[in-house]
C-alpha atoms as a PDB file:
ATOM      1  CA  MET A   1     122.777  89.630-113.688  1.00  0.00           C
ATOM      2  CA  TYR A   2     124.860  92.252-111.935  1.00  0.00           C
ATOM      3  CA  LYS A   3     124.939  92.518-108.171  1.00  0.00           C
ATOM      4  CA  ASN A   4     126.001  96.143-108.054  1.00  0.00           C
ATOM      5  CA  LEU A   5     126.490  99.316-110.025  1.00  0.00           C
ATOM      6  CA  ALA A   6     130.272  99.277-109.590  1.00  0.00           C
ATOM      7  CA  GLN A   7     130.748  95.897-111.254  1.00  0.00           C
ATOM      8  CA  PHE A   8     128.209  96.661-114.001  1.00  0.00           C
ATOM      9  CA  THR A   9     129.958  99.897-114.921  1.00  0.00           C
ATOM     10  CA  LYS A  10     133.435  98.423-114.834  1.00  0.00           C
ATOM     11  CA  ASP A  11     132.481  95.386-116.918  1.00  0.00           C
ATOM     12  CA  LYS A  12     130.609  97.444-119.521  1.00  0.00           C
ATOM     13  CA  ARG A  13     133.478  99.936-119.787  1.00  0.00           C
ATOM     14  CA  LYS A  14     135.960  97.113-120.322  1.00  0.00           C
ATOM     15  CA  GLU A  15     133.686  95.477-122.904  1.00  0.00           C
ATOM     16  CA  ALA A  16     133.776  98.788-124.776  1.00  0.00           C
ATOM     17  CA  ASN A  17     137.589  98.645-124.561  1.00  0.00           C
ATOM     18  CA  LEU A  18     137.826 102.055-122.872  1.00  0.00           C
ATOM     19  CA  THR A  19     140.092 103.331-120.134  1.00  0.00           C
ATOM     20  CA  GLN A  20     138.450 105.143-117.249  1.00  0.00           C
ATOM     21  CA  GLN A  21     139.684 108.431-118.714  1.00  0.00           C
ATOM     22  CA  GLU A  22     138.307 107.707-122.190  1.00  0.00           C
ATOM     23  CA  PHE A  23     135.019 106.582-120.737  1.00  0.00           C
ATOM     24  CA  ALA A  24     134.698 109.683-118.558  1.00  0.00           C
ATOM     25  CA  GLU A  25     135.352 111.920-121.558  1.00  0.00           C
ATOM     26  CA  ARG A  26     132.731 110.165-123.677  1.00  0.00           C
ATOM     27  CA  ALA A  27     130.190 110.232-120.845  1.00  0.00           C
ATOM     28  CA  GLY A  28     130.879 113.923-120.208  1.00  0.00           C
ATOM     29  CA  VAL A  29     131.862 113.477-116.561  1.00  0.00           C
ATOM     30  CA  ALA A  30     135.035 113.915-114.571  1.00  0.00           C
ATOM     31  CA  LEU A  31     137.387 110.968-114.223  1.00  0.00           C
ATOM     32  CA  THR A  32     136.740 111.042-110.468  1.00  0.00           C
ATOM     33  CA  VAL A  33     133.056 110.270-111.087  1.00  0.00           C
ATOM     34  CA  VAL A  34     133.881 107.091-113.012  1.00  0.00           C
ATOM     35  CA  ARG A  35     136.421 106.078-110.372  1.00  0.00           C
ATOM     36  CA  LYS A  36     133.935 106.628-107.538  1.00  0.00           C
ATOM     37  CA  ILE A  37     131.260 104.587-109.316  1.00  0.00           C
ATOM     38  CA  GLU A  38     133.645 101.711-110.018  1.00  0.00           C
ATOM     39  CA  GLN A  39     134.902 101.781-106.415  1.00  0.00           C
ATOM     40  CA  GLY A  40     131.345 101.508-105.121  1.00  0.00           C
ATOM     41  CA  LYS A  41     131.297 104.872-103.358  1.00  0.00           C
ATOM     42  CA  GLU A  42     127.892 105.730-101.963  1.00  0.00           C
ATOM     43  CA  ASN A  43     127.841 109.526-102.011  1.00  0.00           C
ATOM     44  CA  LEU A  44     127.268 110.039-105.728  1.00  0.00           C
ATOM     45  CA  SER A  45     124.948 112.364-107.586  1.00  0.00           C
ATOM     46  CA  LEU A  46     122.109 110.477-109.284  1.00  0.00           C
ATOM     47  CA  ALA A  47     122.440 112.849-112.247  1.00  0.00           C
ATOM     48  CA  LYS A  48     126.151 111.989-112.687  1.00  0.00           C
ATOM     49  CA  VAL A  49     125.507 108.253-112.292  1.00  0.00           C
ATOM     50  CA  ASN A  50     122.792 108.464-114.945  1.00  0.00           C
ATOM     51  CA  GLN A  51     125.114 110.365-117.269  1.00  0.00           C
ATOM     52  CA  VAL A  52     127.484 107.409-117.065  1.00  0.00           C
ATOM     53  CA  LEU A  53     124.766 104.759-117.348  1.00  0.00           C
ATOM     54  CA  LEU A  54     123.264 106.400-120.410  1.00  0.00           C
ATOM     55  CA  MET A  55     126.401 105.302-122.249  1.00  0.00           C
ATOM     56  CA  PHE A  56     124.963 101.773-121.912  1.00  0.00           C
ATOM     57  CA  GLY A  57     121.342 102.738-122.545  1.00  0.00           C
ATOM     58  CA  ASN A  58     120.424 102.496-118.848  1.00  0.00           C
ATOM     59  CA  LYS A  59     119.575 104.823-115.984  1.00  0.00           C
ATOM     60  CA  LEU A  60     118.602 104.734-112.337  1.00  0.00           C
ATOM     61  CA  ALA A  61     115.424 106.258-111.014  1.00  0.00           C
ATOM     62  CA  PRO A  62     114.965 107.530-107.471  1.00  0.00           C
ATOM     63  CA  LEU A  63     112.881 105.273-105.256  1.00  0.00           C
ATOM     64  CA  ILE A  64     109.567 106.657-104.116  1.00  0.00           C
ATOM     65  CA  LEU A  65     108.599 105.652-100.585  1.00  0.00           C
ATOM     66  CA  LYS A  66     105.013 104.815-101.600  1.00  0.00           C
ATOM     67  CA  GLU A  67     106.309 102.347-104.207  1.00  0.00           C
ATOM     68  CA  ILE A  68     108.484 100.636-101.602  1.00  0.00           C
ATOM     69  CA  GLU A  69     105.588 100.263 -99.163  1.00  0.00           C
ATOM     70  CA  LYS A  70     103.421  98.376-101.711  1.00  0.00           C
END
């Protein structure tokens, strides 16, 4: 199990034998987006993160406060 998005993305990209540049091109995002995700930056667009995660058949959903309170 992965502890964070940065490690998940980096490991999956390496398993696919792709450089950050190749991965960014295939995901349809800028290289800086992949770098920021893999560095664990916090100010990322959910849409861009999901574009990257869809390469692995995954995505993140926004948390809804009511679901957290349950």
